[in-house]
Amino acid sequence: MRLPEAIAIRATLGVIAVLAGTSLRAQVCGEPHYRWTQKVDTSGVAVPPEPTSVSAMLATWAPPLLGSRDDCAPRADRELRTYSLLAWVRRVDKYKDDDDWHLELTDRADSPVDSCIVAEIPHPRYSPRYALARSALDSLIVAHRVGKGGMLRRPVRARVTGLAFFDGQHRRGGRRSERIDGGHGRCNASVQALWEIHPVYRIGSP
């Protein structure tokens, strides 16, 4: 076999191997949404929660090396820990395309609305725990007017408990980038604002 032919064959085999590997990864990583297994994870329910706050999450939680292509990245480090925080609920969007309830939380009732973090309650089909959390939230906001897009006319204080989660889907430019796409509700102040409480296990009164 002549050298040019051998090189061509090796190149072709290399392309086939890459395509096969990509196909295999696609089969293994069959998540319906970004990091979906992690978003509905109930493994932290029995873990004693650690206290935190919206301001602590925004100021001191370092972003992990996760980006928009890490659809099936497992939980690691801080994401394995359960947290509880007192915060003001500013928005409750019950009509997301993944059926999660999307909450936006701030430290104070009069904090700028964009100085928020997101908390999400999955659909009850993934656990009765989420039905209880949704019911508890409804009980807290039932007497409050909810405007367009789920905006609460008057914020409601609540205790929110669940796993930490970094929503790298909204990071742009790679795993170390400081840029985000602006699509994380109103919580787009920084890369740290991509930290969430997700899934939420419990909602309670202050």
N, C-alpha and C. Protein backbone atom coordinates (compact mmCIF):
# COMPACT_ATOMS: atom_id res chain seq x y z
N MET A 1 0.86 -1.19 0.00
CA MET A 1 0.00 0.00 0.00
C MET A 1 0.89 1.24 0.00
N ARG A 2 0.60 2.18 -0.88
CA ARG A 2 1.37 3.41 -0.94
C ARG A 2 1.07 4.30 0.25
N LEU A 3 2.06 5.14 0.60
CA LEU A 3 1.94 6.00 1.78
C LEU A 3 0.72 6.92 1.72
N PRO A 4 0.45 7.61 0.58
CA PRO A 4 -0.74 8.48 0.55
C PRO A 4 -2.03 7.73 0.82
N GLU A 5 -2.12 6.49 0.30
CA GLU A 5 -3.33 5.70 0.53
C GLU A 5 -3.47 5.33 2.01
N ALA A 6 -2.35 4.96 2.63
CA ALA A 6 -2.38 4.61 4.05
C ALA A 6 -2.81 5.79 4.90
N ILE A 7 -2.29 6.97 4.57
CA ILE A 7 -2.67 8.17 5.33
C ILE A 7 -4.15 8.46 5.17
N ALA A 8 -4.67 8.30 3.95
CA ALA A 8 -6.09 8.56 3.70
C ALA A 8 -6.97 7.59 4.47
N ILE A 9 -6.55 6.31 4.51
CA ILE A 9 -7.34 5.30 5.23
C ILE A 9 -7.35 5.61 6.72
N ARG A 10 -6.17 5.98 7.26
CA ARG A 10 -6.11 6.30 8.69
C ARG A 10 -6.97 7.51 9.03
N ALA A 11 -6.98 8.49 8.14
CA ALA A 11 -7.80 9.68 8.38
C ALA A 11 -9.27 9.33 8.37
N THR A 12 -9.66 8.47 7.43
CA THR A 12 -11.06 8.05 7.34
C THR A 12 -11.48 7.29 8.59
N LEU A 13 -10.61 6.37 9.04
CA LEU A 13 -10.92 5.61 10.24
C LEU A 13 -11.02 6.52 11.46
N GLY A 14 -10.19 7.56 11.50
CA GLY A 14 -10.26 8.52 12.61
C GLY A 14 -11.58 9.24 12.64
N VAL A 15 -12.07 9.67 11.47
CA VAL A 15 -13.35 10.35 11.39
C VAL A 15 -14.47 9.43 11.85
N ILE A 16 -14.42 8.17 11.41
CA ILE A 16 -15.45 7.20 11.80
C ILE A 16 -15.45 7.01 13.31
N ALA A 17 -14.26 6.93 13.91
CA ALA A 17 -14.17 6.74 15.35
C ALA A 17 -14.76 7.92 16.11
N VAL A 18 -14.46 9.12 15.63
CA VAL A 18 -15.01 10.32 16.28
C VAL A 18 -16.52 10.33 16.19
N LEU A 19 -17.05 10.04 15.00
CA LEU A 19 -18.50 10.02 14.82
C LEU A 19 -19.15 8.96 15.69
N ALA A 20 -18.52 7.80 15.79
CA ALA A 20 -19.07 6.72 16.61
C ALA A 20 -19.08 7.13 18.08
N GLY A 21 -17.99 7.77 18.51
CA GLY A 21 -17.95 8.23 19.90
C GLY A 21 -19.00 9.26 20.19
N THR A 22 -19.21 10.19 19.25
CA THR A 22 -20.24 11.21 19.42
C THR A 22 -21.62 10.58 19.51
N SER A 23 -21.87 9.58 18.64
CA SER A 23 -23.16 8.90 18.66
C SER A 23 -23.39 8.19 19.98
N LEU A 24 -22.33 7.52 20.49
CA LEU A 24 -22.46 6.80 21.75
C LEU A 24 -22.77 7.75 22.89
N ARG A 25 -22.05 8.90 22.92
CA ARG A 25 -22.31 9.87 23.97
C ARG A 25 -23.73 10.39 23.90
N ALA A 26 -24.23 10.59 22.68
CA ALA A 26 -25.59 11.10 22.52
C ALA A 26 -26.60 10.10 23.05
N GLN A 27 -26.30 8.77 22.86
CA GLN A 27 -27.21 7.76 23.35
C GLN A 27 -27.19 7.70 24.87
N VAL A 28 -25.99 7.78 25.45
CA VAL A 28 -25.87 7.73 26.90
C VAL A 28 -26.48 8.97 27.53
N CYS A 29 -26.24 10.13 26.88
CA CYS A 29 -26.71 11.40 27.41
C CYS A 29 -28.04 11.76 26.75
N GLY A 30 -29.10 11.10 27.18
CA GLY A 30 -30.40 11.32 26.56
C GLY A 30 -31.31 12.20 27.37
N GLU A 31 -30.75 13.21 28.04
CA GLU A 31 -31.55 14.08 28.89
C GLU A 31 -32.53 14.92 28.08
N PRO A 32 -33.78 15.06 28.55
CA PRO A 32 -34.76 15.88 27.81
C PRO A 32 -34.47 17.37 27.91
N HIS A 33 -33.78 17.77 28.99
CA HIS A 33 -33.39 19.17 29.20
C HIS A 33 -32.00 19.18 29.82
N TYR A 34 -31.40 20.33 29.87
CA TYR A 34 -30.06 20.49 30.41
C TYR A 34 -29.96 19.93 31.84
N ARG A 35 -29.06 18.96 32.03
CA ARG A 35 -28.78 18.35 33.34
C ARG A 35 -30.06 17.97 34.07
N TRP A 36 -30.95 17.33 33.37
CA TRP A 36 -32.29 17.07 33.91
C TRP A 36 -32.26 16.13 35.11
N THR A 37 -31.44 15.08 35.05
CA THR A 37 -31.36 14.15 36.18
C THR A 37 -30.98 14.89 37.46
N GLN A 38 -30.08 15.86 37.34
CA GLN A 38 -29.65 16.64 38.50
C GLN A 38 -30.76 17.58 38.97
N LYS A 39 -31.56 18.08 38.05
CA LYS A 39 -32.61 19.05 38.41
C LYS A 39 -33.77 18.42 39.17
N VAL A 40 -33.96 17.12 39.04
CA VAL A 40 -35.07 16.45 39.74
C VAL A 40 -34.56 15.50 40.83
N ASP A 41 -33.30 15.65 41.19
CA ASP A 41 -32.61 14.77 42.13
C ASP A 41 -33.18 14.90 43.55
N THR A 42 -33.59 13.78 44.14
CA THR A 42 -34.12 13.80 45.51
C THR A 42 -33.11 13.28 46.54
N SER A 43 -31.87 13.09 46.13
CA SER A 43 -30.89 12.47 47.03
C SER A 43 -30.53 13.36 48.22
N GLY A 44 -30.82 14.65 48.14
CA GLY A 44 -30.46 15.54 49.24
C GLY A 44 -31.57 15.80 50.24
N VAL A 45 -32.69 15.12 50.10
CA VAL A 45 -33.85 15.38 50.98
C VAL A 45 -33.50 15.16 52.44
N ALA A 46 -32.78 14.09 52.74
CA ALA A 46 -32.48 13.75 54.14
C ALA A 46 -31.20 14.42 54.66
N VAL A 47 -30.53 15.18 53.81
CA VAL A 47 -29.28 15.84 54.22
C VAL A 47 -29.62 17.09 55.04
N PRO A 48 -29.05 17.24 56.24
CA PRO A 48 -29.33 18.45 57.03
C PRO A 48 -28.92 19.70 56.24
N PRO A 49 -29.81 20.67 56.11
CA PRO A 49 -29.49 21.85 55.30
C PRO A 49 -28.53 22.80 56.00
N GLU A 50 -27.70 23.44 55.20
CA GLU A 50 -26.80 24.48 55.69
C GLU A 50 -27.44 25.84 55.43
N PRO A 51 -27.26 26.79 56.33
CA PRO A 51 -27.84 28.12 56.09
C PRO A 51 -27.06 28.89 55.03
N THR A 52 -27.77 29.67 54.24
CA THR A 52 -27.14 30.57 53.28
C THR A 52 -28.09 31.73 53.06
N SER A 53 -27.75 32.59 52.11
CA SER A 53 -28.59 33.74 51.78
C SER A 53 -28.39 34.08 50.31
N VAL A 54 -29.30 34.87 49.78
CA VAL A 54 -29.17 35.29 48.39
C VAL A 54 -27.86 36.06 48.20
N SER A 55 -27.56 36.97 49.11
CA SER A 55 -26.34 37.77 48.97
C SER A 55 -25.09 36.91 49.04
N ALA A 56 -25.09 35.89 49.90
CA ALA A 56 -23.94 34.99 49.99
C ALA A 56 -23.75 34.22 48.69
N MET A 57 -24.84 33.74 48.12
CA MET A 57 -24.75 33.00 46.87
C MET A 57 -24.18 33.88 45.76
N LEU A 58 -24.63 35.13 45.70
CA LEU A 58 -24.19 36.03 44.63
C LEU A 58 -22.75 36.51 44.83
N ALA A 59 -22.32 36.60 46.08
CA ALA A 59 -21.02 37.22 46.35
C ALA A 59 -19.90 36.22 46.62
N THR A 60 -20.23 35.05 47.16
CA THR A 60 -19.15 34.17 47.64
C THR A 60 -19.13 32.79 47.01
N TRP A 61 -20.17 32.39 46.29
CA TRP A 61 -20.17 31.06 45.69
C TRP A 61 -19.44 31.12 44.35
N ALA A 62 -18.28 30.49 44.28
CA ALA A 62 -17.51 30.48 43.04
C ALA A 62 -18.20 29.60 41.99
N PRO A 63 -18.26 30.06 40.75
CA PRO A 63 -18.88 29.25 39.70
C PRO A 63 -18.04 28.01 39.39
N PRO A 64 -18.65 26.85 39.24
CA PRO A 64 -17.91 25.67 38.83
C PRO A 64 -17.59 25.72 37.34
N LEU A 65 -16.76 24.79 36.90
CA LEU A 65 -16.38 24.74 35.48
C LEU A 65 -17.46 23.98 34.71
N LEU A 66 -18.58 24.63 34.51
CA LEU A 66 -19.71 24.06 33.77
C LEU A 66 -20.19 25.08 32.76
N GLY A 67 -20.47 24.59 31.54
CA GLY A 67 -20.97 25.47 30.50
C GLY A 67 -22.21 24.91 29.83
N SER A 68 -22.58 25.53 28.74
CA SER A 68 -23.85 25.20 28.09
C SER A 68 -23.83 23.83 27.42
N ARG A 69 -22.65 23.25 27.21
CA ARG A 69 -22.58 21.94 26.55
C ARG A 69 -22.51 20.77 27.54
N ASP A 70 -22.51 21.08 28.81
CA ASP A 70 -22.39 20.03 29.82
C ASP A 70 -23.76 19.48 30.22
N ASP A 71 -24.49 18.99 29.23
CA ASP A 71 -25.87 18.56 29.44
C ASP A 71 -26.03 17.46 30.47
N CYS A 72 -25.02 16.62 30.62
CA CYS A 72 -25.16 15.45 31.50
C CYS A 72 -24.14 15.45 32.62
N ALA A 73 -23.56 16.60 32.93
CA ALA A 73 -22.56 16.66 34.00
C ALA A 73 -23.19 16.27 35.33
N PRO A 74 -22.54 15.38 36.09
CA PRO A 74 -23.08 14.98 37.39
C PRO A 74 -22.90 16.10 38.43
N ARG A 75 -23.59 15.97 39.52
CA ARG A 75 -23.39 16.90 40.63
C ARG A 75 -22.00 16.69 41.24
N ALA A 76 -21.42 17.79 41.72
CA ALA A 76 -20.11 17.72 42.37
C ALA A 76 -19.97 18.89 43.33
N ASP A 77 -19.11 18.70 44.32
CA ASP A 77 -18.74 19.77 45.25
C ASP A 77 -19.98 20.42 45.89
N ARG A 78 -20.14 21.72 45.73
CA ARG A 78 -21.23 22.43 46.39
C ARG A 78 -22.60 21.90 45.98
N GLU A 79 -22.72 21.39 44.78
CA GLU A 79 -24.01 20.91 44.30
C GLU A 79 -24.50 19.66 45.05
N LEU A 80 -23.63 19.07 45.84
CA LEU A 80 -24.03 17.90 46.63
C LEU A 80 -24.60 18.30 47.99
N ARG A 81 -24.64 19.59 48.26
CA ARG A 81 -25.06 20.08 49.57
C ARG A 81 -26.45 20.70 49.51
N THR A 82 -27.19 20.49 50.60
CA THR A 82 -28.54 21.04 50.73
C THR A 82 -28.45 22.34 51.53
N TYR A 83 -29.21 23.34 51.08
CA TYR A 83 -29.17 24.66 51.71
C TYR A 83 -30.58 25.12 52.07
N SER A 84 -30.62 26.01 53.06
CA SER A 84 -31.88 26.65 53.45
C SER A 84 -31.63 28.15 53.56
N LEU A 85 -32.53 28.94 53.00
CA LEU A 85 -32.37 30.39 53.07
C LEU A 85 -33.71 31.07 53.25
N LEU A 86 -33.68 32.19 53.96
CA LEU A 86 -34.83 33.07 54.06
C LEU A 86 -34.70 34.13 52.98
N ALA A 87 -35.74 34.31 52.21
CA ALA A 87 -35.68 35.26 51.10
C ALA A 87 -37.08 35.76 50.78
N TRP A 88 -37.12 36.75 49.94
CA TRP A 88 -38.39 37.32 49.49
C TRP A 88 -38.70 36.82 48.09
N VAL A 89 -39.86 36.22 47.95
CA VAL A 89 -40.31 35.72 46.64
C VAL A 89 -40.84 36.90 45.85
N ARG A 90 -40.21 37.14 44.68
CA ARG A 90 -40.60 38.29 43.85
C ARG A 90 -41.37 37.86 42.60
N ARG A 91 -41.17 36.61 42.21
CA ARG A 91 -41.83 36.12 40.99
C ARG A 91 -42.07 34.62 41.12
N VAL A 92 -43.22 34.16 40.62
CA VAL A 92 -43.54 32.74 40.57
C VAL A 92 -44.10 32.45 39.17
N ASP A 93 -43.28 31.84 38.34
CA ASP A 93 -43.70 31.49 36.98
C ASP A 93 -44.00 29.99 36.94
N LYS A 94 -45.28 29.66 36.78
CA LYS A 94 -45.71 28.26 36.80
C LYS A 94 -45.82 27.65 35.41
N TYR A 95 -45.37 28.36 34.40
CA TYR A 95 -45.65 27.92 33.03
C TYR A 95 -44.38 27.82 32.20
N LYS A 96 -43.34 27.19 32.74
CA LYS A 96 -42.11 26.97 32.01
C LYS A 96 -42.26 25.73 31.12
N ASP A 97 -41.45 25.67 30.07
CA ASP A 97 -41.59 24.57 29.11
C ASP A 97 -41.15 23.22 29.68
N ASP A 98 -40.42 23.22 30.80
CA ASP A 98 -40.03 21.95 31.41
C ASP A 98 -40.92 21.57 32.60
N ASP A 99 -41.99 22.34 32.81
CA ASP A 99 -42.98 22.10 33.87
C ASP A 99 -42.47 22.42 35.28
N ASP A 100 -41.26 22.96 35.41
CA ASP A 100 -40.81 23.43 36.72
C ASP A 100 -41.54 24.72 37.09
N TRP A 101 -41.70 24.95 38.37
CA TRP A 101 -42.13 26.26 38.86
C TRP A 101 -40.87 27.08 39.12
N HIS A 102 -40.81 28.24 38.52
CA HIS A 102 -39.63 29.11 38.55
C HIS A 102 -39.87 30.25 39.53
N LEU A 103 -39.06 30.30 40.59
CA LEU A 103 -39.17 31.35 41.60
C LEU A 103 -37.96 32.27 41.50
N GLU A 104 -38.17 33.56 41.70
CA GLU A 104 -37.06 34.50 41.79
C GLU A 104 -37.06 35.10 43.19
N LEU A 105 -35.90 35.00 43.86
CA LEU A 105 -35.77 35.37 45.27
C LEU A 105 -34.76 36.49 45.44
N THR A 106 -35.06 37.43 46.34
CA THR A 106 -34.10 38.47 46.70
C THR A 106 -33.93 38.50 48.22
N ASP A 107 -32.86 39.16 48.65
CA ASP A 107 -32.56 39.24 50.09
C ASP A 107 -33.58 40.06 50.85
N ARG A 108 -34.02 41.17 50.25
CA ARG A 108 -34.95 42.07 50.93
C ARG A 108 -36.18 42.29 50.05
N ALA A 109 -37.23 42.75 50.66
CA ALA A 109 -38.45 43.03 49.91
C ALA A 109 -38.24 44.17 48.92
N ASP A 110 -37.31 45.10 49.26
CA ASP A 110 -37.07 46.25 48.39
C ASP A 110 -35.76 46.14 47.62
N SER A 111 -35.15 44.94 47.58
CA SER A 111 -33.95 44.75 46.77
C SER A 111 -34.27 44.96 45.30
N PRO A 112 -33.32 45.45 44.49
CA PRO A 112 -33.56 45.49 43.04
C PRO A 112 -33.98 44.11 42.54
N VAL A 113 -34.98 44.09 41.67
CA VAL A 113 -35.53 42.79 41.26
C VAL A 113 -34.51 41.93 40.53
N ASP A 114 -33.48 42.56 39.94
CA ASP A 114 -32.48 41.78 39.21
C ASP A 114 -31.33 41.30 40.10
N SER A 115 -31.39 41.61 41.41
CA SER A 115 -30.37 41.09 42.34
C SER A 115 -30.89 39.80 42.96
N CYS A 116 -31.29 38.89 42.10
CA CYS A 116 -32.02 37.70 42.54
C CYS A 116 -31.26 36.42 42.23
N ILE A 117 -31.72 35.36 42.86
CA ILE A 117 -31.33 34.01 42.45
C ILE A 117 -32.62 33.24 42.14
N VAL A 118 -32.47 32.17 41.38
CA VAL A 118 -33.60 31.35 40.96
C VAL A 118 -33.71 30.12 41.87
N ALA A 119 -34.94 29.74 42.17
CA ALA A 119 -35.23 28.46 42.83
C ALA A 119 -36.32 27.78 42.00
N GLU A 120 -36.24 26.47 41.85
CA GLU A 120 -37.20 25.78 40.99
C GLU A 120 -37.75 24.53 41.67
N ILE A 121 -39.06 24.37 41.53
CA ILE A 121 -39.75 23.19 42.08
C ILE A 121 -40.19 22.31 40.91
N PRO A 122 -39.63 21.10 40.78
CA PRO A 122 -40.01 20.22 39.68
C PRO A 122 -41.46 19.76 39.77
N HIS A 123 -41.89 19.13 38.70
CA HIS A 123 -43.25 18.58 38.63
C HIS A 123 -43.40 17.43 39.63
N PRO A 124 -44.56 17.30 40.26
CA PRO A 124 -44.78 16.22 41.25
C PRO A 124 -44.63 14.81 40.69
N ARG A 125 -44.64 14.64 39.38
CA ARG A 125 -44.47 13.28 38.86
C ARG A 125 -43.08 12.72 39.21
N TYR A 126 -42.15 13.59 39.56
CA TYR A 126 -40.81 13.13 39.92
C TYR A 126 -40.68 12.80 41.40
N SER A 127 -41.56 13.32 42.22
CA SER A 127 -41.56 13.00 43.65
C SER A 127 -42.74 13.68 44.33
N PRO A 128 -43.42 12.99 45.26
CA PRO A 128 -44.47 13.65 46.05
C PRO A 128 -43.92 14.85 46.84
N ARG A 129 -42.62 14.85 47.08
CA ARG A 129 -41.98 15.96 47.78
C ARG A 129 -42.25 17.28 47.07
N TYR A 130 -42.26 17.23 45.75
CA TYR A 130 -42.45 18.48 44.99
C TYR A 130 -43.90 18.95 45.02
N ALA A 131 -44.83 18.01 45.14
CA ALA A 131 -46.24 18.40 45.30
C ALA A 131 -46.43 19.15 46.62
N LEU A 132 -45.77 18.68 47.67
CA LEU A 132 -45.87 19.34 48.97
C LEU A 132 -45.26 20.74 48.92
N ALA A 133 -44.12 20.86 48.25
CA ALA A 133 -43.46 22.17 48.15
C ALA A 133 -44.32 23.15 47.36
N ARG A 134 -44.94 22.68 46.30
CA ARG A 134 -45.81 23.56 45.50
C ARG A 134 -47.04 23.99 46.30
N SER A 135 -47.61 23.05 47.02
CA SER A 135 -48.78 23.37 47.83
C SER A 135 -48.44 24.39 48.91
N ALA A 136 -47.26 24.23 49.52
CA ALA A 136 -46.83 25.17 50.56
C ALA A 136 -46.62 26.56 49.98
N LEU A 137 -46.06 26.64 48.79
CA LEU A 137 -45.86 27.94 48.14
C LEU A 137 -47.21 28.59 47.83
N ASP A 138 -48.13 27.81 47.30
CA ASP A 138 -49.47 28.35 47.00
C ASP A 138 -50.13 28.91 48.26
N SER A 139 -49.93 28.23 49.39
CA SER A 139 -50.53 28.70 50.64
C SER A 139 -49.95 30.05 51.06
N LEU A 140 -48.67 30.27 50.76
CA LEU A 140 -48.02 31.53 51.13
C LEU A 140 -48.45 32.70 50.26
N ILE A 141 -48.72 32.42 48.98
CA ILE A 141 -49.00 33.52 48.06
C ILE A 141 -50.48 33.68 47.73
N VAL A 142 -51.34 32.84 48.31
CA VAL A 142 -52.75 32.83 47.93
C VAL A 142 -53.41 34.18 48.14
N ALA A 143 -53.00 34.92 49.15
CA ALA A 143 -53.64 36.20 49.45
C ALA A 143 -52.97 37.37 48.73
N HIS A 144 -52.00 37.07 47.87
CA HIS A 144 -51.25 38.13 47.20
C HIS A 144 -51.59 38.16 45.71
N ARG A 145 -51.65 39.34 45.18
CA ARG A 145 -51.93 39.48 43.75
C ARG A 145 -50.70 39.12 42.93
N VAL A 146 -50.92 38.30 41.92
CA VAL A 146 -49.85 37.89 41.03
C VAL A 146 -50.13 38.50 39.67
N GLY A 147 -49.19 39.30 39.19
CA GLY A 147 -49.39 40.01 37.94
C GLY A 147 -48.88 39.24 36.74
N LYS A 148 -48.73 39.94 35.64
CA LYS A 148 -48.28 39.34 34.38
C LYS A 148 -46.90 38.72 34.55
N GLY A 149 -46.75 37.51 33.99
CA GLY A 149 -45.47 36.83 34.07
C GLY A 149 -45.13 36.28 35.44
N GLY A 150 -46.13 36.25 36.34
CA GLY A 150 -45.90 35.71 37.67
C GLY A 150 -45.30 36.68 38.66
N MET A 151 -45.29 37.98 38.32
CA MET A 151 -44.72 38.99 39.22
C MET A 151 -45.65 39.22 40.41
N LEU A 152 -45.10 39.12 41.62
CA LEU A 152 -45.89 39.39 42.82
C LEU A 152 -45.94 40.89 43.06
N ARG A 153 -47.16 41.42 43.17
CA ARG A 153 -47.30 42.86 43.43
C ARG A 153 -46.69 43.22 44.78
N ARG A 154 -46.79 42.29 45.73
CA ARG A 154 -46.20 42.49 47.06
C ARG A 154 -45.37 41.25 47.39
N PRO A 155 -44.06 41.41 47.60
CA PRO A 155 -43.21 40.24 47.86
C PRO A 155 -43.65 39.46 49.09
N VAL A 156 -43.34 38.17 49.08
CA VAL A 156 -43.69 37.27 50.18
C VAL A 156 -42.40 36.65 50.73
N ARG A 157 -42.26 36.69 52.06
CA ARG A 157 -41.06 36.10 52.67
C ARG A 157 -41.29 34.61 52.89
N ALA A 158 -40.26 33.83 52.58
CA ALA A 158 -40.37 32.37 52.71
C ALA A 158 -39.02 31.76 53.03
N ARG A 159 -39.07 30.59 53.62
CA ARG A 159 -37.86 29.79 53.79
C ARG A 159 -37.86 28.73 52.69
N VAL A 160 -36.77 28.68 51.96
CA VAL A 160 -36.64 27.79 50.80
C VAL A 160 -35.48 26.83 51.06
N THR A 161 -35.74 25.54 50.89
CA THR A 161 -34.74 24.51 51.17
C THR A 161 -34.61 23.58 49.98
N GLY A 162 -33.37 23.30 49.58
CA GLY A 162 -33.14 22.39 48.48
C GLY A 162 -31.66 22.30 48.14
N LEU A 163 -31.36 21.57 47.09
CA LEU A 163 -29.98 21.38 46.65
C LEU A 163 -29.48 22.60 45.88
N ALA A 164 -28.20 22.90 46.04
CA ALA A 164 -27.56 23.90 45.19
C ALA A 164 -27.41 23.34 43.78
N PHE A 165 -27.52 24.21 42.80
CA PHE A 165 -27.41 23.78 41.40
C PHE A 165 -26.87 24.95 40.58
N PHE A 166 -25.91 24.67 39.70
CA PHE A 166 -25.37 25.72 38.83
C PHE A 166 -25.92 25.52 37.43
N ASP A 167 -26.65 26.51 36.94
CA ASP A 167 -27.31 26.40 35.63
C ASP A 167 -26.39 26.92 34.53
N GLY A 168 -25.38 26.12 34.20
CA GLY A 168 -24.40 26.51 33.19
C GLY A 168 -24.96 26.62 31.79
N GLN A 169 -26.20 26.22 31.59
CA GLN A 169 -26.84 26.36 30.28
C GLN A 169 -26.81 27.81 29.81
N HIS A 170 -26.82 28.76 30.75
CA HIS A 170 -26.88 30.17 30.38
C HIS A 170 -25.51 30.84 30.34
N ARG A 171 -24.46 30.04 30.46
CA ARG A 171 -23.10 30.57 30.36
C ARG A 171 -22.68 30.56 28.89
N ARG A 172 -22.04 31.60 28.46
CA ARG A 172 -21.60 31.70 27.07
C ARG A 172 -20.08 31.86 27.00
N GLY A 173 -19.46 31.13 26.04
CA GLY A 173 -18.03 31.29 25.83
C GLY A 173 -17.16 30.26 26.52
N GLY A 174 -17.74 29.21 27.04
CA GLY A 174 -16.94 28.15 27.65
C GLY A 174 -17.07 28.09 29.15
N ARG A 175 -16.43 27.08 29.72
CA ARG A 175 -16.60 26.76 31.15
C ARG A 175 -15.98 27.78 32.09
N ARG A 176 -15.06 28.60 31.60
CA ARG A 176 -14.43 29.61 32.46
C ARG A 176 -14.94 31.02 32.17
N SER A 177 -15.87 31.12 31.26
CA SER A 177 -16.33 32.44 30.82
C SER A 177 -17.10 33.17 31.93
N GLU A 178 -17.00 34.49 31.91
CA GLU A 178 -17.78 35.34 32.81
C GLU A 178 -19.01 35.89 32.12
N ARG A 179 -19.28 35.45 30.89
CA ARG A 179 -20.42 35.96 30.13
C ARG A 179 -21.61 35.02 30.28
N ILE A 180 -22.80 35.62 30.34
CA ILE A 180 -24.03 34.84 30.38
C ILE A 180 -24.97 35.35 29.29
N ASP A 181 -25.99 34.55 28.99
CA ASP A 181 -26.83 34.86 27.82
C ASP A 181 -28.01 35.77 28.13
N GLY A 182 -28.22 36.12 29.39
CA GLY A 182 -29.33 37.00 29.73
C GLY A 182 -30.68 36.32 29.77
N GLY A 183 -30.68 34.98 29.66
CA GLY A 183 -31.95 34.25 29.61
C GLY A 183 -32.34 33.57 30.90
N HIS A 184 -31.73 33.97 32.01
CA HIS A 184 -31.96 33.30 33.29
C HIS A 184 -33.00 34.08 34.09
N GLY A 185 -34.19 34.22 33.51
CA GLY A 185 -35.21 35.06 34.13
C GLY A 185 -34.70 36.48 34.25
N ARG A 186 -34.88 37.08 35.43
CA ARG A 186 -34.32 38.41 35.69
C ARG A 186 -33.02 38.32 36.48
N CYS A 187 -32.55 37.10 36.72
CA CYS A 187 -31.37 36.88 37.58
C CYS A 187 -30.12 36.70 36.72
N ASN A 188 -29.63 37.82 36.21
CA ASN A 188 -28.50 37.80 35.28
C ASN A 188 -27.41 38.78 35.70
N ALA A 189 -27.29 39.06 37.00
CA ALA A 189 -26.34 40.07 37.46
C ALA A 189 -24.89 39.66 37.22
N SER A 190 -24.61 38.37 37.24
CA SER A 190 -23.24 37.87 37.09
C SER A 190 -23.30 36.37 36.85
N VAL A 191 -22.13 35.77 36.61
CA VAL A 191 -22.10 34.31 36.48
C VAL A 191 -22.55 33.65 37.79
N GLN A 192 -22.25 34.28 38.93
CA GLN A 192 -22.69 33.72 40.21
C GLN A 192 -24.21 33.65 40.30
N ALA A 193 -24.90 34.51 39.55
CA ALA A 193 -26.37 34.50 39.57
C ALA A 193 -26.94 33.26 38.89
N LEU A 194 -26.08 32.45 38.28
CA LEU A 194 -26.55 31.19 37.71
C LEU A 194 -26.65 30.09 38.77
N TRP A 195 -26.19 30.38 39.99
CA TRP A 195 -26.44 29.45 41.10
C TRP A 195 -27.93 29.48 41.44
N GLU A 196 -28.48 28.31 41.70
CA GLU A 196 -29.89 28.17 42.03
C GLU A 196 -30.07 27.27 43.25
N ILE A 197 -31.26 27.26 43.78
CA ILE A 197 -31.72 26.18 44.65
C ILE A 197 -32.65 25.34 43.77
N HIS A 198 -32.17 24.15 43.40
CA HIS A 198 -32.87 23.37 42.37
C HIS A 198 -32.43 21.91 42.46
N PRO A 199 -33.27 21.01 42.88
CA PRO A 199 -34.68 21.20 43.14
C PRO A 199 -34.95 21.75 44.55
N VAL A 200 -36.09 22.41 44.68
CA VAL A 200 -36.58 22.85 45.99
C VAL A 200 -37.31 21.68 46.64
N TYR A 201 -36.94 21.37 47.87
CA TYR A 201 -37.59 20.28 48.61
C TYR A 201 -38.70 20.77 49.53
N ARG A 202 -38.47 21.96 50.10
CA ARG A 202 -39.43 22.47 51.08
C ARG A 202 -39.58 23.98 50.95
N ILE A 203 -40.81 24.44 51.13
CA ILE A 203 -41.13 25.86 51.25
C ILE A 203 -41.84 26.04 52.58
N GLY A 204 -41.43 27.04 53.34
CA GLY A 204 -42.08 27.25 54.63
C GLY A 204 -42.17 28.72 54.99
N SER A 205 -42.90 29.00 56.03
CA SER A 205 -42.98 30.36 56.56
C SER A 205 -41.66 30.71 57.23
N PRO A 206 -41.35 32.00 57.34
CA PRO A 206 -40.09 32.43 57.99
C PRO A 206 -39.98 31.91 59.43
